[in-house]
């Protein structure tokens, strides 16, 4: 999606992987309360803060950390009293569309489980794909 939208695949990948890291769990009587979540959730705000802190600590360029964090912040407008329609950058829009492609009723997509070795393998494959695109563009050295 990033390449088709002429968006940096490295930034898109970082944003997509970090976009939901601000989620809290909303339970009532031991069961997920989707309505409470929808009413009180600010996961995009919390996630943007966490993504920025993580990227800075990992030595990421500060402007890149800010751009990724803004994509995390603006991947949804569900917590805002207004719409972000037609206001997002191309990166922010790619992250929004990617997030919506994985949606499941009542937020169940947040609870997918995967074997750790499979996750590592998929991340490695994704990393190789991003590196190949960057090398082809001459944006990655060695």
C-alpha atoms as a PDB file:
ATOM      1  CA  UNK A   1       0.000   0.000   0.000  1.00  0.00           C
ATOM      2  CA  UNK A   2       2.791   2.413   0.876  1.00  0.00           C
ATOM      3  CA  UNK A   3       4.543   1.961  -2.449  1.00  0.00           C
ATOM      4  CA  UNK A   4       1.276   2.324  -4.378  1.00  0.00           C
ATOM      5  CA  UNK A   5       0.641   5.590  -2.493  1.00  0.00           C
ATOM      6  CA  UNK A   6       4.211   6.829  -2.996  1.00  0.00           C
ATOM      7  CA  UNK A   7       4.816   6.727   0.765  1.00  0.00           C
ATOM      8  CA  UNK A   8       8.144   5.783   2.340  1.00  0.00           C
ATOM      9  CA  UNK A   9       7.712   2.065   3.160  1.00  0.00           C
ATOM     10  CA  UNK A  10      10.034   2.339   6.160  1.00  0.00           C
ATOM     11  CA  UNK A  11       7.895   5.066   7.751  1.00  0.00           C
ATOM     12  CA  UNK A  12       4.686   3.264   6.810  1.00  0.00           C
ATOM     13  CA  UNK A  13       5.923   0.004   8.330  1.00  0.00           C
ATOM     14  CA  UNK A  14       7.010   1.656  11.576  1.00  0.00           C
ATOM     15  CA  UNK A  15       3.714   3.543  11.801  1.00  0.00           C
ATOM     16  CA  UNK A  16       1.629   0.463  11.048  1.00  0.00           C
ATOM     17  CA  UNK A  17       3.459  -1.697  13.575  1.00  0.00           C
ATOM     18  CA  UNK A  18       3.137   0.941  16.304  1.00  0.00           C
ATOM     19  CA  UNK A  19      -0.317   2.363  15.555  1.00  0.00           C
ATOM     20  CA  UNK A  20      -2.240   0.487  18.274  1.00  0.00           C
ATOM     21  CA  UNK A  21       0.354   0.389  21.040  1.00  0.00           C
ATOM     22  CA  UNK A  22      -1.709   2.800  23.134  1.00  0.00           C
ATOM     23  CA  UNK A  23      -4.667   0.493  23.691  1.00  0.00           C
ATOM     24  CA  UNK A  24      -6.004  -0.135  27.154  1.00  0.00           C
ATOM     25  CA  UNK A  25      -8.187  -3.064  27.994  1.00  0.00           C
ATOM     26  CA  UNK A  26     -11.728  -2.158  28.883  1.00  0.00           C
ATOM     27  CA  UNK A  27     -13.343  -4.920  30.894  1.00  0.00           C
ATOM     28  CA  UNK A  28     -16.522  -5.021  32.944  1.00  0.00           C
ATOM     29  CA  UNK A  29     -17.323  -8.113  35.004  1.00  0.00           C
ATOM     30  CA  UNK A  30     -14.488  -9.980  33.287  1.00  0.00           C
ATOM     31  CA  UNK A  31     -15.766  -9.305  29.763  1.00  0.00           C
ATOM     32  CA  UNK A  32     -14.554  -6.855  27.144  1.00  0.00           C
ATOM     33  CA  UNK A  33     -16.874  -3.831  27.132  1.00  0.00           C
ATOM     34  CA  UNK A  34     -16.701  -2.467  23.595  1.00  0.00           C
ATOM     35  CA  UNK A  35     -19.073   0.410  24.342  1.00  0.00           C
ATOM     36  CA  UNK A  36     -16.906   1.611  27.257  1.00  0.00           C
ATOM     37  CA  UNK A  37     -13.885   1.389  25.000  1.00  0.00           C
ATOM     38  CA  UNK A  38     -15.599   3.415  22.245  1.00  0.00           C
ATOM     39  CA  UNK A  39     -16.803   6.002  24.746  1.00  0.00           C
ATOM     40  CA  UNK A  40     -13.541   6.552  26.664  1.00  0.00           C
ATOM     41  CA  UNK A  41     -10.663   5.347  24.505  1.00  0.00           C
ATOM     42  CA  UNK A  42      -7.711   7.625  23.672  1.00  0.00           C
ATOM     43  CA  UNK A  43      -5.403   4.889  22.383  1.00  0.00           C
ATOM     44  CA  UNK A  44      -4.137   6.970  19.469  1.00  0.00           C
ATOM     45  CA  UNK A  45      -2.962   9.732  21.817  1.00  0.00           C
ATOM     46  CA  UNK A  46      -1.278   7.328  24.224  1.00  0.00           C
ATOM     47  CA  UNK A  47       0.144   5.293  21.335  1.00  0.00           C
ATOM     48  CA  UNK A  48       1.658   8.352  19.658  1.00  0.00           C
ATOM     49  CA  UNK A  49       3.415   9.258  22.904  1.00  0.00           C
ATOM     50  CA  UNK A  50       4.718   5.716  23.384  1.00  0.00           C
ATOM     51  CA  UNK A  51       5.831   5.412  19.746  1.00  0.00           C
ATOM     52  CA  UNK A  52       7.738   8.701  19.919  1.00  0.00           C
ATOM     53  CA  UNK A  53       9.485   7.744  23.144  1.00  0.00           C
ATOM     54  CA  UNK A  54      10.398   4.291  21.814  1.00  0.00           C
ATOM     55  CA  UNK A  55      11.761   5.573  18.501  1.00  0.00           C
ATOM     56  CA  UNK A  56      13.839   8.304  20.169  1.00  0.00           C
ATOM     57  CA  UNK A  57      15.271   5.785  22.648  1.00  0.00           C
ATOM     58  CA  UNK A  58      16.181   3.497  19.732  1.00  0.00           C
ATOM     59  CA  UNK A  59      18.111   6.339  18.107  1.00  0.00           C
ATOM     60  CA  UNK A  60      15.650   7.151  15.334  1.00  0.00           C
ATOM     61  CA  UNK A  61      15.956  10.541  13.659  1.00  0.00           C
ATOM     62  CA  UNK A  62      13.771  12.996  15.592  1.00  0.00           C
ATOM     63  CA  UNK A  63      11.848  14.155  12.526  1.00  0.00           C
ATOM     64  CA  UNK A  64      11.146  10.544  11.565  1.00  0.00           C
ATOM     65  CA  UNK A  65       9.999   9.822  15.130  1.00  0.00           C
ATOM     66  CA  UNK A  66       7.655  12.803  14.945  1.00  0.00           C
ATOM     67  CA  UNK A  67       6.254  11.812  11.542  1.00  0.00           C
ATOM     68  CA  UNK A  68       5.633   8.224  12.661  1.00  0.00           C
ATOM     69  CA  UNK A  69       4.071   9.425  15.920  1.00  0.00           C
ATOM     70  CA  UNK A  70       1.730  11.753  14.042  1.00  0.00           C
ATOM     71  CA  UNK A  71       0.684   8.842  11.820  1.00  0.00           C
ATOM     72  CA  UNK A  72      -0.059   6.839  14.979  1.00  0.00           C
ATOM     73  CA  UNK A  73      -1.983   9.786  16.456  1.00  0.00           C
ATOM     74  CA  UNK A  74      -4.066  10.400  13.351  1.00  0.00           C
ATOM     75  CA  UNK A  75      -4.709   6.841  12.130  1.00  0.00           C
ATOM     76  CA  UNK A  76      -8.199   7.176  13.601  1.00  0.00           C
ATOM     77  CA  UNK A  77     -10.473  10.040  14.534  1.00  0.00           C
ATOM     78  CA  UNK A  78     -12.726   7.899  16.733  1.00  0.00           C
ATOM     79  CA  UNK A  79     -11.608   9.804  19.839  1.00  0.00           C
ATOM     80  CA  UNK A  80     -12.131  13.240  18.276  1.00  0.00           C
ATOM     81  CA  UNK A  81     -15.341  15.288  18.157  1.00  0.00           C
ATOM     82  CA  UNK A  82     -14.675  15.984  14.445  1.00  0.00           C
ATOM     83  CA  UNK A  83     -13.578  14.109  11.336  1.00  0.00           C
ATOM     84  CA  UNK A  84     -10.068  14.056   9.897  1.00  0.00           C
ATOM     85  CA  UNK A  85     -11.409  13.155   6.452  1.00  0.00           C
ATOM     86  CA  UNK A  86      -9.276  14.817   3.737  1.00  0.00           C
ATOM     87  CA  UNK A  87      -6.944  16.260   6.403  1.00  0.00           C
ATOM     88  CA  UNK A  88      -4.382  13.449   6.699  1.00  0.00           C
ATOM     89  CA  UNK A  89      -0.998  13.261   4.986  1.00  0.00           C
ATOM     90  CA  UNK A  90      -0.402  10.378   2.581  1.00  0.00           C
ATOM     91  CA  UNK A  91       1.447   8.442   5.315  1.00  0.00           C
ATOM     92  CA  UNK A  92      -1.367   8.984   7.815  1.00  0.00           C
ATOM     93  CA  UNK A  93      -3.925   7.872   5.222  1.00  0.00           C
ATOM     94  CA  UNK A  94      -1.974   4.691   4.402  1.00  0.00           C
ATOM     95  CA  UNK A  95      -1.898   3.782   8.102  1.00  0.00           C
ATOM     96  CA  UNK A  96      -5.642   4.516   8.451  1.00  0.00           C
ATOM     97  CA  UNK A  97      -6.541   2.344   5.461  1.00  0.00           C
ATOM     98  CA  UNK A  98      -4.232  -0.476   6.589  1.00  0.00           C
ATOM     99  CA  UNK A  99      -5.808  -0.387  10.053  1.00  0.00           C
ATOM    100  CA  UNK A 100      -9.317  -0.579   8.627  1.00  0.00           C
ATOM    101  CA  UNK A 101      -8.404  -3.537   6.392  1.00  0.00           C
ATOM    102  CA  UNK A 102      -7.767  -5.614   9.525  1.00  0.00           C
ATOM    103  CA  UNK A 103     -10.894  -4.540  11.436  1.00  0.00           C
ATOM    104  CA  UNK A 104     -13.106  -7.143  13.054  1.00  0.00           C
ATOM    105  CA  UNK A 105     -16.368  -6.637  14.953  1.00  0.00           C
ATOM    106  CA  UNK A 106     -16.020  -5.313  18.507  1.00  0.00           C
ATOM    107  CA  UNK A 107     -12.269  -4.807  18.154  1.00  0.00           C
ATOM    108  CA  UNK A 108     -11.470  -8.525  18.075  1.00  0.00           C
ATOM    109  CA  UNK A 109      -8.560  -7.917  15.680  1.00  0.00           C
ATOM    110  CA  UNK A 110      -6.609  -6.563  18.658  1.00  0.00           C
ATOM    111  CA  UNK A 111      -6.581 -10.046  20.175  1.00  0.00           C
ATOM    112  CA  UNK A 112      -5.122 -12.081  17.343  1.00  0.00           C
ATOM    113  CA  UNK A 113      -2.510 -14.493  18.554  1.00  0.00           C
ATOM    114  CA  UNK A 114       0.490 -15.792  16.685  1.00  0.00           C
ATOM    115  CA  UNK A 115       3.346 -18.105  17.454  1.00  0.00           C
ATOM    116  CA  UNK A 116       6.452 -16.077  18.370  1.00  0.00           C
ATOM    117  CA  UNK A 117       8.641 -17.796  15.765  1.00  0.00           C
ATOM    118  CA  UNK A 118       6.038 -17.108  13.068  1.00  0.00           C
ATOM    119  CA  UNK A 119       5.908 -13.442  14.102  1.00  0.00           C
ATOM    120  CA  UNK A 120       9.692 -13.155  13.932  1.00  0.00           C
ATOM    121  CA  UNK A 121       9.710 -14.807  10.515  1.00  0.00           C
ATOM    122  CA  UNK A 122       7.013 -12.458   9.195  1.00  0.00           C
ATOM    123  CA  UNK A 123       8.812  -9.397  10.581  1.00  0.00           C
ATOM    124  CA  UNK A 124      12.083 -10.542   9.009  1.00  0.00           C
ATOM    125  CA  UNK A 125      10.343 -11.017   5.649  1.00  0.00           C
ATOM    126  CA  UNK A 126       8.770  -7.556   5.935  1.00  0.00           C
ATOM    127  CA  UNK A 127      12.135  -6.026   6.840  1.00  0.00           C
ATOM    128  CA  UNK A 128      13.732  -7.610   3.760  1.00  0.00           C
ATOM    129  CA  UNK A 129      10.965  -6.227   1.540  1.00  0.00           C
ATOM    130  CA  UNK A 130      11.397  -2.705   2.927  1.00  0.00           C
ATOM    131  CA  UNK A 131      15.186  -2.906   2.566  1.00  0.00           C
ATOM    132  CA  UNK A 132      14.839  -4.067  -1.055  1.00  0.00           C
ATOM    133  CA  UNK A 133      12.641  -1.083  -1.913  1.00  0.00           C
ATOM    134  CA  UNK A 134      14.992   1.346  -0.176  1.00  0.00           C
ATOM    135  CA  UNK A 135      18.036  -0.172  -1.892  1.00  0.00           C
ATOM    136  CA  UNK A 136      16.312   0.064  -5.265  1.00  0.00           C
ATOM    137  CA  UNK A 137      15.627   3.746  -4.612  1.00  0.00           C
ATOM    138  CA  UNK A 138      19.204   4.280  -3.437  1.00  0.00           C
ATOM    139  CA  UNK A 139      18.022   5.277   0.033  1.00  0.00           C
ATOM    140  CA  UNK A 140      19.818   2.469   1.859  1.00  0.00           C
ATOM    141  CA  UNK A 141      23.536   1.914   1.869  1.00  0.00           C
ATOM    142  CA  UNK A 142      25.084  -1.483   2.596  1.00  0.00           C
END
